[in-house]
Amino acid sequence: MNSRKKIPMRKCVATGEMKPKKELIRIVRSKEGEVSLDPTGKKSGRGAYLTLDRDIIELAKKKNVLANHLSTQIDSSLYEQLLELVNKEKN
């Protein structure tokens, strides 16, 4: 048998790159239309994955990628939360 475990891969909505799921952060839109960060990857709803990198987050904000992918308005506070998360990861 193959002893190596399969690594789940996901696509970053901003860059289109396939990366291991643990390197990405999931943003979720619930049925009520509420958008939130999902660090566990287990919340129910429509999800979009984004690479935890300052430049990519700013690119997603500039191109409005998350709003298009989740079919809803994205509050700027969500991008601020993402940037704070990036700063915590680097420290």
PDB file of N, CA and C in Angstrom:
ATOM      1  N   MET A   1       0.835  -1.194   0.000  1.00  0.00           N
ATOM      2  CA  MET A   1       0.000   0.000   0.000  1.00  0.00           C
ATOM      3  C   MET A   1       0.871   1.246   0.000  1.00  0.00           C
ATOM      4  N   ASN A   2       0.273   2.310  -0.456  1.00  0.00           N
ATOM      5  CA  ASN A   2       0.961   3.594  -0.469  1.00  0.00           C
ATOM      6  C   ASN A   2       0.866   4.213   0.919  1.00  0.00           C
ATOM      7  N   SER A   3       2.021   4.434   1.561  1.00  0.00           N
ATOM      8  CA  SER A   3       2.007   4.944   2.935  1.00  0.00           C
ATOM      9  C   SER A   3       1.933   6.467   3.005  1.00  0.00           C
ATOM     10  N   ARG A   4       2.168   7.135   1.886  1.00  0.00           N
ATOM     11  CA  ARG A   4       2.082   8.598   1.891  1.00  0.00           C
ATOM     12  C   ARG A   4       0.639   9.051   1.841  1.00  0.00           C
ATOM     13  N   LYS A   5       0.327  10.042   2.661  1.00  0.00           N
ATOM     14  CA  LYS A   5      -1.031  10.562   2.724  1.00  0.00           C
ATOM     15  C   LYS A   5      -1.242  11.600   1.624  1.00  0.00           C
ATOM     16  N   LYS A   6      -2.394  11.571   0.998  1.00  0.00           N
ATOM     17  CA  LYS A   6      -2.725  12.527  -0.049  1.00  0.00           C
ATOM     18  C   LYS A   6      -2.919  13.919   0.558  1.00  0.00           C
ATOM     19  N   ILE A   7      -2.299  14.926  -0.046  1.00  0.00           N
ATOM     20  CA  ILE A   7      -2.430  16.304   0.433  1.00  0.00           C
ATOM     21  C   ILE A   7      -3.555  16.981  -0.339  1.00  0.00           C
ATOM     22  N   PRO A   8      -4.598  17.461   0.366  1.00  0.00           N
ATOM     23  CA  PRO A   8      -5.697  18.131  -0.341  1.00  0.00           C
ATOM     24  C   PRO A   8      -5.233  19.456  -0.943  1.00  0.00           C
ATOM     25  N   MET A   9      -5.535  19.663  -2.207  1.00  0.00           N
ATOM     26  CA  MET A   9      -5.136  20.879  -2.913  1.00  0.00           C
ATOM     27  C   MET A   9      -6.375  21.729  -3.192  1.00  0.00           C
ATOM     28  N   ARG A  10      -6.191  23.038  -3.142  1.00  0.00           N
ATOM     29  CA  ARG A  10      -7.267  23.986  -3.440  1.00  0.00           C
ATOM     30  C   ARG A  10      -6.715  25.086  -4.337  1.00  0.00           C
ATOM     31  N   LYS A  11      -7.616  25.767  -5.050  1.00  0.00           N
ATOM     32  CA  LYS A  11      -7.214  26.818  -5.980  1.00  0.00           C
ATOM     33  C   LYS A  11      -7.453  28.192  -5.365  1.00  0.00           C
ATOM     34  N   CYS A  12      -6.423  29.029  -5.385  1.00  0.00           N
ATOM     35  CA  CYS A  12      -6.559  30.417  -4.920  1.00  0.00           C
ATOM     36  C   CYS A  12      -7.393  31.177  -5.946  1.00  0.00           C
ATOM     37  N   VAL A  13      -8.452  31.856  -5.494  1.00  0.00           N
ATOM     38  CA  VAL A  13      -9.338  32.554  -6.433  1.00  0.00           C
ATOM     39  C   VAL A  13      -8.686  33.788  -7.041  1.00  0.00           C
ATOM     40  N   ALA A  14      -7.673  34.346  -6.384  1.00  0.00           N
ATOM     41  CA  ALA A  14      -7.013  35.555  -6.905  1.00  0.00           C
ATOM     42  C   ALA A  14      -5.971  35.218  -7.957  1.00  0.00           C
ATOM     43  N   THR A  15      -5.156  34.177  -7.704  1.00  0.00           N
ATOM     44  CA  THR A  15      -4.054  33.872  -8.614  1.00  0.00           C
ATOM     45  C   THR A  15      -4.323  32.681  -9.519  1.00  0.00           C
ATOM     46  N   GLY A  16      -5.250  31.811  -9.127  1.00  0.00           N
ATOM     47  CA  GLY A  16      -5.535  30.614  -9.910  1.00  0.00           C
ATOM     48  C   GLY A  16      -4.542  29.488  -9.658  1.00  0.00           C
ATOM     49  N   GLU A  17      -3.657  29.649  -8.679  1.00  0.00           N
ATOM     50  CA  GLU A  17      -2.663  28.628  -8.358  1.00  0.00           C
ATOM     51  C   GLU A  17      -3.254  27.538  -7.478  1.00  0.00           C
ATOM     52  N   MET A  18      -2.862  26.308  -7.735  1.00  0.00           N
ATOM     53  CA  MET A  18      -3.240  25.193  -6.877  1.00  0.00           C
ATOM     54  C   MET A  18      -2.203  25.091  -5.766  1.00  0.00           C
ATOM     55  N   LYS A  19      -2.675  25.093  -4.519  1.00  0.00           N
ATOM     56  CA  LYS A  19      -1.779  25.020  -3.370  1.00  0.00           C
ATOM     57  C   LYS A  19      -2.355  24.072  -2.335  1.00  0.00           C
ATOM     58  N   PRO A  20      -1.504  23.571  -1.424  1.00  0.00           N
ATOM     59  CA  PRO A  20      -2.042  22.750  -0.335  1.00  0.00           C
ATOM     60  C   PRO A  20      -3.051  23.553   0.493  1.00  0.00           C
ATOM     61  N   LYS A  21      -4.111  22.892   0.900  1.00  0.00           N
ATOM     62  CA  LYS A  21      -5.214  23.532   1.616  1.00  0.00           C
ATOM     63  C   LYS A  21      -4.741  24.308   2.848  1.00  0.00           C
ATOM     64  N   LYS A  22      -3.712  23.818   3.542  1.00  0.00           N
ATOM     65  CA  LYS A  22      -3.231  24.464   4.763  1.00  0.00           C
ATOM     66  C   LYS A  22      -2.551  25.805   4.509  1.00  0.00           C
ATOM     67  N   GLU A  23      -2.120  26.061   3.276  1.00  0.00           N
ATOM     68  CA  GLU A  23      -1.468  27.331   2.944  1.00  0.00           C
ATOM     69  C   GLU A  23      -2.476  28.421   2.597  1.00  0.00           C
ATOM     70  N   LEU A  24      -3.746  28.051   2.497  1.00  0.00           N
ATOM     71  CA  LEU A  24      -4.787  28.994   2.088  1.00  0.00           C
ATOM     72  C   LEU A  24      -5.744  29.253   3.236  1.00  0.00           C
ATOM     73  N   ILE A  25      -6.463  30.371   3.142  1.00  0.00           N
ATOM     74  CA  ILE A  25      -7.518  30.689   4.110  1.00  0.00           C
ATOM     75  C   ILE A  25      -8.853  30.634   3.354  1.00  0.00           C
ATOM     76  N   ARG A  26      -9.871  30.097   4.005  1.00  0.00           N
ATOM     77  CA  ARG A  26     -11.189  29.973   3.379  1.00  0.00           C
ATOM     78  C   ARG A  26     -12.079  31.118   3.831  1.00  0.00           C
ATOM     79  N   ILE A  27     -12.747  31.734   2.876  1.00  0.00           N
ATOM     80  CA  ILE A  27     -13.732  32.779   3.148  1.00  0.00           C
ATOM     81  C   ILE A  27     -15.081  32.184   2.764  1.00  0.00           C
ATOM     82  N   VAL A  28     -16.069  32.311   3.652  1.00  0.00           N
ATOM     83  CA  VAL A  28     -17.356  31.632   3.474  1.00  0.00           C
ATOM     84  C   VAL A  28     -18.516  32.617   3.431  1.00  0.00           C
ATOM     85  N   ARG A  29     -19.467  32.346   2.513  1.00  0.00           N
ATOM     86  CA  ARG A  29     -20.738  33.072   2.509  1.00  0.00           C
ATOM     87  C   ARG A  29     -21.809  32.088   2.950  1.00  0.00           C
ATOM     88  N   SER A  30     -22.467  32.407   4.064  1.00  0.00           N
ATOM     89  CA  SER A  30     -23.519  31.521   4.575  1.00  0.00           C
ATOM     90  C   SER A  30     -24.794  31.705   3.760  1.00  0.00           C
ATOM     91  N   LYS A  31     -25.789  30.872   4.034  1.00  0.00           N
ATOM     92  CA  LYS A  31     -27.073  30.972   3.328  1.00  0.00           C
ATOM     93  C   LYS A  31     -27.755  32.306   3.588  1.00  0.00           C
ATOM     94  N   GLU A  32     -27.449  32.904   4.758  1.00  0.00           N
ATOM     95  CA  GLU A  32     -28.036  34.203   5.107  1.00  0.00           C
ATOM     96  C   GLU A  32     -27.319  35.349   4.392  1.00  0.00           C
ATOM     97  N   GLY A  33     -26.225  35.053   3.703  1.00  0.00           N
ATOM     98  CA  GLY A  33     -25.477  36.079   2.981  1.00  0.00           C
ATOM     99  C   GLY A  33     -24.353  36.693   3.794  1.00  0.00           C
ATOM    100  N   GLU A  34     -24.085  36.138   4.975  1.00  0.00           N
ATOM    101  CA  GLU A  34     -23.047  36.648   5.849  1.00  0.00           C
ATOM    102  C   GLU A  34     -21.683  36.109   5.404  1.00  0.00           C
ATOM    103  N   VAL A  35     -20.702  36.997   5.247  1.00  0.00           N
ATOM    104  CA  VAL A  35     -19.367  36.589   4.808  1.00  0.00           C
ATOM    105  C   VAL A  35     -18.431  36.615   6.009  1.00  0.00           C
ATOM    106  N   SER A  36     -17.673  35.529   6.185  1.00  0.00           N
ATOM    107  CA  SER A  36     -16.748  35.449   7.319  1.00  0.00           C
ATOM    108  C   SER A  36     -15.530  34.603   6.960  1.00  0.00           C
ATOM    109  N   LEU A  37     -14.479  34.746   7.772  1.00  0.00           N
ATOM    110  CA  LEU A  37     -13.289  33.920   7.616  1.00  0.00           C
ATOM    111  C   LEU A  37     -13.559  32.558   8.235  1.00  0.00           C
ATOM    112  N   ASP A  38     -12.985  31.523   7.642  1.00  0.00           N
ATOM    113  CA  ASP A  38     -13.167  30.156   8.138  1.00  0.00           C
ATOM    114  C   ASP A  38     -11.806  29.483   8.266  1.00  0.00           C
ATOM    115  N   PRO A  39     -11.092  29.747   9.362  1.00  0.00           N
ATOM    116  CA  PRO A  39      -9.763  29.148   9.518  1.00  0.00           C
ATOM    117  C   PRO A  39      -9.782  27.624   9.634  1.00  0.00           C
ATOM    118  N   THR A  40     -10.896  27.048  10.098  1.00  0.00           N
ATOM    119  CA  THR A  40     -10.985  25.593  10.245  1.00  0.00           C
ATOM    120  C   THR A  40     -11.314  24.908   8.925  1.00  0.00           C
ATOM    121  N   GLY A  41     -11.981  25.624   8.013  1.00  0.00           N
ATOM    122  CA  GLY A  41     -12.372  25.039   6.731  1.00  0.00           C
ATOM    123  C   GLY A  41     -13.603  24.163   6.835  1.00  0.00           C
ATOM    124  N   LYS A  42     -14.357  24.284   7.919  1.00  0.00           N
ATOM    125  CA  LYS A  42     -15.498  23.401   8.138  1.00  0.00           C
ATOM    126  C   LYS A  42     -16.863  24.094   8.171  1.00  0.00           C
ATOM    127  N   LYS A  43     -16.898  25.419   8.092  1.00  0.00           N
ATOM    128  CA  LYS A  43     -18.193  26.109   8.112  1.00  0.00           C
ATOM    129  C   LYS A  43     -18.980  25.762   6.860  1.00  0.00           C
ATOM    130  N   SER A  44     -20.304  25.716   7.006  1.00  0.00           N
ATOM    131  CA  SER A  44     -21.129  25.415   5.843  1.00  0.00           C
ATOM    132  C   SER A  44     -21.384  26.696   5.056  1.00  0.00           C
ATOM    133  N   GLY A  45     -21.506  26.542   3.759  1.00  0.00           N
ATOM    134  CA  GLY A  45     -21.755  27.676   2.885  1.00  0.00           C
ATOM    135  C   GLY A  45     -20.817  27.669   1.696  1.00  0.00           C
ATOM    136  N   ARG A  46     -20.953  28.674   0.854  1.00  0.00           N
ATOM    137  CA  ARG A  46     -20.128  28.804  -0.352  1.00  0.00           C
ATOM    138  C   ARG A  46     -18.760  29.310   0.048  1.00  0.00           C
ATOM    139  N   GLY A  47     -17.713  28.597  -0.310  1.00  0.00           N
ATOM    140  CA  GLY A  47     -16.367  28.971   0.100  1.00  0.00           C
ATOM    141  C   GLY A  47     -15.478  29.392  -1.048  1.00  0.00           C
ATOM    142  N   ALA A  48     -14.520  30.240  -0.723  1.00  0.00           N
ATOM    143  CA  ALA A  48     -13.483  30.653  -1.671  1.00  0.00           C
ATOM    144  C   ALA A  48     -12.164  30.641  -0.921  1.00  0.00           C
ATOM    145  N   TYR A  49     -11.121  30.154  -1.564  1.00  0.00           N
ATOM    146  CA  TYR A  49      -9.806  30.079  -0.928  1.00  0.00           C
ATOM    147  C   TYR A  49      -8.906  31.187  -1.440  1.00  0.00           C
ATOM    148  N   LEU A  50      -8.121  31.741  -0.516  1.00  0.00           N
ATOM    149  CA  LEU A  50      -7.216  32.836  -0.842  1.00  0.00           C
ATOM    150  C   LEU A  50      -5.872  32.579  -0.165  1.00  0.00           C
ATOM    151  N   THR A  51      -4.782  32.827  -0.894  1.00  0.00           N
ATOM    152  CA  THR A  51      -3.446  32.645  -0.340  1.00  0.00           C
ATOM    153  C   THR A  51      -3.187  33.691   0.736  1.00  0.00           C
ATOM    154  N   LEU A  52      -2.566  33.265   1.832  1.00  0.00           N
ATOM    155  CA  LEU A  52      -2.249  34.183   2.931  1.00  0.00           C
ATOM    156  C   LEU A  52      -0.989  34.969   2.607  1.00  0.00           C
ATOM    157  N   ASP A  53      -1.122  35.957   1.736  1.00  0.00           N
ATOM    158  CA  ASP A  53      -0.012  36.807   1.342  1.00  0.00           C
ATOM    159  C   ASP A  53      -0.559  38.215   1.122  1.00  0.00           C
ATOM    160  N   ARG A  54       0.131  39.207   1.662  1.00  0.00           N
ATOM    161  CA  ARG A  54      -0.336  40.595   1.598  1.00  0.00           C
ATOM    162  C   ARG A  54      -0.623  41.049   0.156  1.00  0.00           C
ATOM    163  N   ASP A  55       0.299  40.775  -0.766  1.00  0.00           N
ATOM    164  CA  ASP A  55       0.131  41.217  -2.159  1.00  0.00           C
ATOM    165  C   ASP A  55      -1.093  40.569  -2.812  1.00  0.00           C
ATOM    166  N   ILE A  56      -1.300  39.302  -2.526  1.00  0.00           N
ATOM    167  CA  ILE A  56      -2.425  38.584  -3.134  1.00  0.00           C
ATOM    168  C   ILE A  56      -3.757  39.059  -2.560  1.00  0.00           C
ATOM    169  N   ILE A  57      -3.781  39.348  -1.263  1.00  0.00           N
ATOM    170  CA  ILE A  57      -5.004  39.870  -0.642  1.00  0.00           C
ATOM    171  C   ILE A  57      -5.355  41.234  -1.235  1.00  0.00           C
ATOM    172  N   GLU A  58      -4.335  42.084  -1.428  1.00  0.00           N
ATOM    173  CA  GLU A  58      -4.583  43.406  -2.025  1.00  0.00           C
ATOM    174  C   GLU A  58      -5.004  43.282  -3.492  1.00  0.00           C
ATOM    175  N   LEU A  59      -4.461  42.292  -4.199  1.00  0.00           N
ATOM    176  CA  LEU A  59      -4.864  42.035  -5.585  1.00  0.00           C
ATOM    177  C   LEU A  59      -6.333  41.614  -5.630  1.00  0.00           C
ATOM    178  N   ALA A  60      -6.729  40.740  -4.696  1.00  0.00           N
ATOM    179  CA  ALA A  60      -8.118  40.278  -4.638  1.00  0.00           C
ATOM    180  C   ALA A  60      -9.063  41.439  -4.343  1.00  0.00           C
ATOM    181  N   LYS A  61      -8.629  42.344  -3.473  1.00  0.00           N
ATOM    182  CA  LYS A  61      -9.456  43.512  -3.134  1.00  0.00           C
ATOM    183  C   LYS A  61      -9.584  44.439  -4.343  1.00  0.00           C
ATOM    184  N   LYS A  62      -8.473  44.667  -5.037  1.00  0.00           N
ATOM    185  CA  LYS A  62      -8.459  45.557  -6.195  1.00  0.00           C
ATOM    186  C   LYS A  62      -9.333  45.023  -7.337  1.00  0.00           C
ATOM    187  N   LYS A  63      -9.229  43.717  -7.592  1.00  0.00           N
ATOM    188  CA  LYS A  63      -9.985  43.103  -8.691  1.00  0.00           C
ATOM    189  C   LYS A  63     -11.391  42.679  -8.280  1.00  0.00           C
ATOM    190  N   ASN A  64     -11.715  42.807  -6.971  1.00  0.00           N
ATOM    191  CA  ASN A  64     -13.040  42.431  -6.458  1.00  0.00           C
ATOM    192  C   ASN A  64     -13.335  40.945  -6.690  1.00  0.00           C
ATOM    193  N   VAL A  65     -12.295  40.119  -6.577  1.00  0.00           N
ATOM    194  CA  VAL A  65     -12.395  38.692  -6.860  1.00  0.00           C
ATOM    195  C   VAL A  65     -13.356  37.969  -5.924  1.00  0.00           C
ATOM    196  N   LEU A  66     -13.266  38.260  -4.616  1.00  0.00           N
ATOM    197  CA  LEU A  66     -14.124  37.566  -3.644  1.00  0.00           C
ATOM    198  C   LEU A  66     -15.595  37.892  -3.854  1.00  0.00           C
ATOM    199  N   ALA A  67     -15.896  39.148  -4.141  1.00  0.00           N
ATOM    200  CA  ALA A  67     -17.288  39.537  -4.370  1.00  0.00           C
ATOM    201  C   ALA A  67     -17.860  38.802  -5.582  1.00  0.00           C
ATOM    202  N   ASN A  68     -17.062  38.673  -6.631  1.00  0.00           N
ATOM    203  CA  ASN A  68     -17.520  37.961  -7.825  1.00  0.00           C
ATOM    204  C   ASN A  68     -17.696  36.476  -7.547  1.00  0.00           C
ATOM    205  N   HIS A  69     -16.751  35.882  -6.834  1.00  0.00           N
ATOM    206  CA  HIS A  69     -16.792  34.444  -6.580  1.00  0.00           C
ATOM    207  C   HIS A  69     -17.920  34.060  -5.624  1.00  0.00           C
ATOM    208  N   LEU A  70     -18.153  34.886  -4.599  1.00  0.00           N
ATOM    209  CA  LEU A  70     -19.178  34.571  -3.601  1.00  0.00           C
ATOM    210  C   LEU A  70     -20.532  35.205  -3.921  1.00  0.00           C
ATOM    211  N   SER A  71     -20.600  35.958  -4.988  1.00  0.00           N
ATOM    212  CA  SER A  71     -21.848  36.605  -5.437  1.00  0.00           C
ATOM    213  C   SER A  71     -22.486  37.458  -4.346  1.00  0.00           C
ATOM    214  N   THR A  72     -21.680  38.275  -3.681  1.00  0.00           N
ATOM    215  CA  THR A  72     -22.181  39.157  -2.635  1.00  0.00           C
ATOM    216  C   THR A  72     -21.203  40.308  -2.430  1.00  0.00           C
ATOM    217  N   GLN A  73     -21.644  41.333  -1.698  1.00  0.00           N
ATOM    218  CA  GLN A  73     -20.766  42.458  -1.381  1.00  0.00           C
ATOM    219  C   GLN A  73     -19.790  42.034  -0.287  1.00  0.00           C
ATOM    220  N   ILE A  74     -18.536  42.446  -0.421  1.00  0.00           N
ATOM    221  CA  ILE A  74     -17.517  42.139   0.580  1.00  0.00           C
ATOM    222  C   ILE A  74     -17.162  43.433   1.300  1.00  0.00           C
ATOM    223  N   ASP A  75     -17.300  43.414   2.626  1.00  0.00           N
ATOM    224  CA  ASP A  75     -16.975  44.574   3.443  1.00  0.00           C
ATOM    225  C   ASP A  75     -15.458  44.717   3.540  1.00  0.00           C
ATOM    226  N   SER A  76     -14.967  45.960   3.555  1.00  0.00           N
ATOM    227  CA  SER A  76     -13.521  46.184   3.614  1.00  0.00           C
ATOM    228  C   SER A  76     -12.914  45.674   4.923  1.00  0.00           C
ATOM    229  N   SER A  77     -13.731  45.522   5.967  1.00  0.00           N
ATOM    230  CA  SER A  77     -13.220  45.003   7.242  1.00  0.00           C
ATOM    231  C   SER A  77     -12.744  43.553   7.097  1.00  0.00           C
ATOM    232  N   LEU A  78     -13.324  42.801   6.153  1.00  0.00           N
ATOM    233  CA  LEU A  78     -12.891  41.427   5.917  1.00  0.00           C
ATOM    234  C   LEU A  78     -11.454  41.407   5.405  1.00  0.00           C
ATOM    235  N   TYR A  79     -11.138  42.330   4.507  1.00  0.00           N
ATOM    236  CA  TYR A  79      -9.769  42.405   3.985  1.00  0.00           C
ATOM    237  C   TYR A  79      -8.793  42.825   5.092  1.00  0.00           C
ATOM    238  N   GLU A  80      -9.249  43.699   5.989  1.00  0.00           N
ATOM    239  CA  GLU A  80      -8.414  44.109   7.126  1.00  0.00           C
ATOM    240  C   GLU A  80      -8.142  42.918   8.041  1.00  0.00           C
ATOM    241  N   GLN A  81      -9.156  42.084   8.270  1.00  0.00           N
ATOM    242  CA  GLN A  81      -8.975  40.875   9.083  1.00  0.00           C
ATOM    243  C   GLN A  81      -7.961  39.939   8.429  1.00  0.00           C
ATOM    244  N   LEU A  82      -8.050  39.802   7.103  1.00  0.00           N
ATOM    245  CA  LEU A  82      -7.108  38.954   6.376  1.00  0.00           C
ATOM    246  C   LEU A  82      -5.678  39.479   6.514  1.00  0.00           C
ATOM    247  N   LEU A  83      -5.514  40.793   6.393  1.00  0.00           N
ATOM    248  CA  LEU A  83      -4.180  41.388   6.514  1.00  0.00           C
ATOM    249  C   LEU A  83      -3.634  41.219   7.932  1.00  0.00           C
ATOM    250  N   GLU A  84      -4.493  41.338   8.946  1.00  0.00           N
ATOM    251  CA  GLU A  84      -4.071  41.100  10.337  1.00  0.00           C
ATOM    252  C   GLU A  84      -3.614  39.649  10.513  1.00  0.00           C
ATOM    253  N   LEU A  85      -4.333  38.735   9.892  1.00  0.00           N
ATOM    254  CA  LEU A  85      -3.984  37.323   9.965  1.00  0.00           C
ATOM    255  C   LEU A  85      -2.617  37.062   9.330  1.00  0.00           C
ATOM    256  N   VAL A  86      -2.341  37.737   8.216  1.00  0.00           N
ATOM    257  CA  VAL A  86      -1.042  37.607   7.551  1.00  0.00           C
ATOM    258  C   VAL A  86       0.061  38.113   8.470  1.00  0.00           C
ATOM    259  N   ASN A  87      -0.177  39.246   9.135  1.00  0.00           N
ATOM    260  CA  ASN A  87       0.817  39.808  10.039  1.00  0.00           C
ATOM    261  C   ASN A  87       1.089  38.866  11.221  1.00  0.00           C
ATOM    262  N   LYS A  88       0.039  38.213  11.736  1.00  0.00           N
ATOM    263  CA  LYS A  88       0.202  37.266  12.840  1.00  0.00           C
ATOM    264  C   LYS A  88       1.002  36.043  12.405  1.00  0.00           C
ATOM    265  N   GLU A  89       0.750  35.578  11.162  1.00  0.00           N
ATOM    266  CA  GLU A  89       1.437  34.398  10.635  1.00  0.00           C
ATOM    267  C   GLU A  89       2.934  34.655  10.482  1.00  0.00           C
ATOM    268  N   LYS A  90       3.300  35.867  10.078  1.00  0.00           N
ATOM    269  CA  LYS A  90       4.704  36.190   9.846  1.00  0.00           C
ATOM    270  C   LYS A  90       5.469  36.381  11.146  1.00  0.00           C
ATOM    271  N   ASN A  91       4.791  36.776  12.222  1.00  0.00           N
ATOM    272  CA  ASN A  91       5.469  36.998  13.514  1.00  0.00           C
ATOM    273  C   ASN A  91       5.652  35.737  14.293  1.00  0.00           C
TER     274      ASN A  91
END
